[in-house]
Amino acid sequence: MDTMSVNVATVRSATSLAGARESARDFLEGLVQPAGAEAADTVVLVVSELVTNALRHGGGTCTLDLTAHPDSIEVAVHDPSPQTPRMRTPDLNNGTGGFGWPMVNRLARATAVTRRAPTGKTVSALLAR
């Protein structure tokens, strides 16, 4: 099994998010059994969404873990906030979001939110390879 951990910068910036997406692409390209192009695009999209949410709502810092399984890729994002993602009506007028978590849930085989002691959580998504 191929595994890799990537630390995302503590700064809330497009640079740290771009680094997370690039790390995901590098991870996928380095696998012995590579993911298909569509699956790889989906993994990068989910990484982008989960890292964005962690940086925006989770305290400005997070850790990204990617794990390859024989038929799936697991994306796990750890942040220091105990607040869990929630479904909400997307904001079509004011640009405050609401689209990402439903999208992740539609793209993933499974999602999970696990509380971490003493604080924080891990949000994970299992995606087809």
Protein backbone atom coordinates (compact mmCIF):
# COMPACT_ATOMS: atom_id res chain seq x y z
CA MET A 1 0.00 0.00 0.00
CA ASP A 2 1.27 3.50 -0.85
CA THR A 3 0.92 6.19 1.82
CA MET A 4 1.97 9.78 2.18
CA SER A 5 1.40 12.63 4.64
CA VAL A 6 1.49 16.26 3.63
CA ASN A 7 1.44 19.21 6.02
CA VAL A 8 -0.49 22.18 4.70
CA ALA A 9 0.85 25.62 5.57
CA THR A 10 -0.69 27.39 8.55
CA VAL A 11 -1.42 30.46 6.44
CA ARG A 12 -4.87 30.91 4.94
CA SER A 13 -3.75 31.44 1.38
CA ALA A 14 -4.15 30.22 -2.15
CA THR A 15 -0.49 29.18 -1.95
CA SER A 16 -1.09 26.58 0.77
CA LEU A 17 -4.20 25.30 -0.99
CA ALA A 18 -2.33 25.09 -4.29
CA GLY A 19 0.41 23.16 -2.49
CA ALA A 20 -2.14 20.67 -1.16
CA ARG A 21 -3.54 20.11 -4.66
CA GLU A 22 -0.04 19.69 -6.09
CA SER A 23 0.89 17.25 -3.32
CA ALA A 24 -2.21 15.21 -4.14
CA ARG A 25 -1.30 15.13 -7.85
CA ASP A 26 2.29 14.11 -7.01
CA PHE A 27 1.02 11.38 -4.67
CA LEU A 28 -1.32 10.00 -7.35
CA GLU A 29 1.36 10.10 -10.06
CA GLY A 30 3.78 8.25 -7.78
CA LEU A 31 1.53 5.27 -7.16
CA VAL A 32 2.62 1.88 -8.50
CA GLN A 33 -0.95 1.35 -9.74
CA PRO A 34 -1.96 4.86 -10.85
CA ALA A 35 -5.50 6.17 -10.60
CA GLY A 36 -7.35 6.94 -13.83
CA ALA A 37 -7.51 10.54 -15.02
CA GLU A 38 -11.12 11.07 -13.91
CA ALA A 39 -10.49 9.49 -10.51
CA ALA A 40 -7.36 11.62 -10.05
CA ASP A 41 -9.31 14.80 -10.89
CA THR A 42 -11.95 13.81 -8.33
CA VAL A 43 -9.31 13.22 -5.63
CA VAL A 44 -7.74 16.64 -6.29
CA LEU A 45 -11.18 18.30 -6.20
CA VAL A 46 -12.02 16.66 -2.86
CA VAL A 47 -8.59 17.58 -1.44
CA SER A 48 -9.19 21.17 -2.52
CA GLU A 49 -12.63 21.30 -0.90
CA LEU A 50 -11.69 19.62 2.39
CA VAL A 51 -8.50 21.67 2.83
CA THR A 52 -10.36 24.89 1.98
CA ASN A 53 -13.02 24.08 4.57
CA ALA A 54 -10.40 23.20 7.20
CA LEU A 55 -8.49 26.43 6.60
CA ARG A 56 -11.66 28.53 6.53
CA HIS A 57 -13.61 26.92 9.38
CA GLY A 58 -11.07 24.84 11.29
CA GLY A 59 -8.68 27.39 12.69
CA GLY A 60 -6.40 28.16 9.75
CA THR A 61 -4.22 25.07 9.89
CA CYS A 62 -4.64 21.45 8.87
CA THR A 63 -2.83 18.27 7.94
CA LEU A 64 -3.61 16.31 4.81
CA ASP A 65 -3.14 12.53 4.71
CA LEU A 66 -3.56 10.54 1.52
CA THR A 67 -3.73 6.74 1.56
CA ALA A 68 -3.96 4.44 -1.44
CA HIS A 69 -5.90 1.20 -1.09
CA PRO A 70 -6.20 -1.41 -3.87
CA ASP A 71 -9.49 0.02 -5.17
CA SER A 72 -9.74 3.42 -3.46
CA ILE A 73 -7.97 6.56 -2.30
CA GLU A 74 -8.61 7.94 1.18
CA VAL A 75 -8.37 11.69 1.75
CA ALA A 76 -8.19 12.70 5.43
CA VAL A 77 -7.90 16.27 6.67
CA HIS A 78 -7.18 16.95 10.34
CA ASP A 79 -7.85 20.36 11.92
CA PRO A 80 -8.01 21.72 15.48
CA SER A 81 -11.70 22.70 15.45
CA PRO A 82 -14.35 20.47 17.02
CA GLN A 83 -17.02 21.95 14.69
CA THR A 84 -18.18 19.31 12.20
CA PRO A 85 -19.15 20.03 8.59
CA ARG A 86 -22.85 20.45 8.04
CA MET A 87 -25.22 20.38 5.14
CA ARG A 88 -26.80 23.76 4.48
CA THR A 89 -28.67 25.45 1.72
CA PRO A 90 -26.14 26.81 -0.78
CA ASP A 91 -25.98 30.60 -0.90
CA LEU A 92 -26.70 31.58 -4.48
CA ASN A 93 -26.65 35.34 -3.88
CA ASN A 94 -24.02 36.35 -1.33
CA GLY A 95 -21.21 33.90 -2.07
CA THR A 96 -20.99 32.43 1.43
CA GLY A 97 -20.77 28.84 0.20
CA GLY A 98 -22.72 25.75 1.09
CA PHE A 99 -21.82 23.75 -2.03
CA GLY A 100 -18.68 21.87 -0.97
CA TRP A 101 -19.74 19.38 1.70
CA PRO A 102 -22.74 18.12 -0.33
CA MET A 103 -20.45 17.78 -3.36
CA VAL A 104 -17.86 15.78 -1.37
CA ASN A 105 -20.61 13.48 -0.11
CA ARG A 106 -21.86 12.89 -3.67
CA LEU A 107 -18.38 12.16 -5.05
CA ALA A 108 -17.20 9.88 -2.24
CA ARG A 109 -18.05 6.25 -1.60
CA ALA A 110 -18.14 7.20 2.07
CA THR A 111 -17.37 10.19 4.29
CA ALA A 112 -16.68 10.32 8.00
CA VAL A 113 -16.01 12.89 10.69
CA THR A 114 -14.02 11.62 13.67
CA ARG A 115 -13.39 13.69 16.78
CA ARG A 116 -9.78 13.76 17.98
CA ALA A 117 -8.74 14.13 21.59
CA PRO A 118 -8.28 16.56 23.17
CA THR A 119 -9.61 18.86 20.42
CA GLY A 120 -10.18 18.82 16.73
CA LYS A 121 -11.44 16.40 14.16
CA THR A 122 -10.59 14.42 11.05
CA VAL A 123 -12.80 14.68 8.00
CA SER A 124 -12.24 11.84 5.55
CA ALA A 125 -13.55 10.77 2.18
CA LEU A 126 -13.07 7.43 0.47
CA LEU A 127 -12.93 7.80 -3.31
CA ALA A 128 -12.87 5.34 -6.21
CA ARG A 129 -9.45 4.74 -7.66
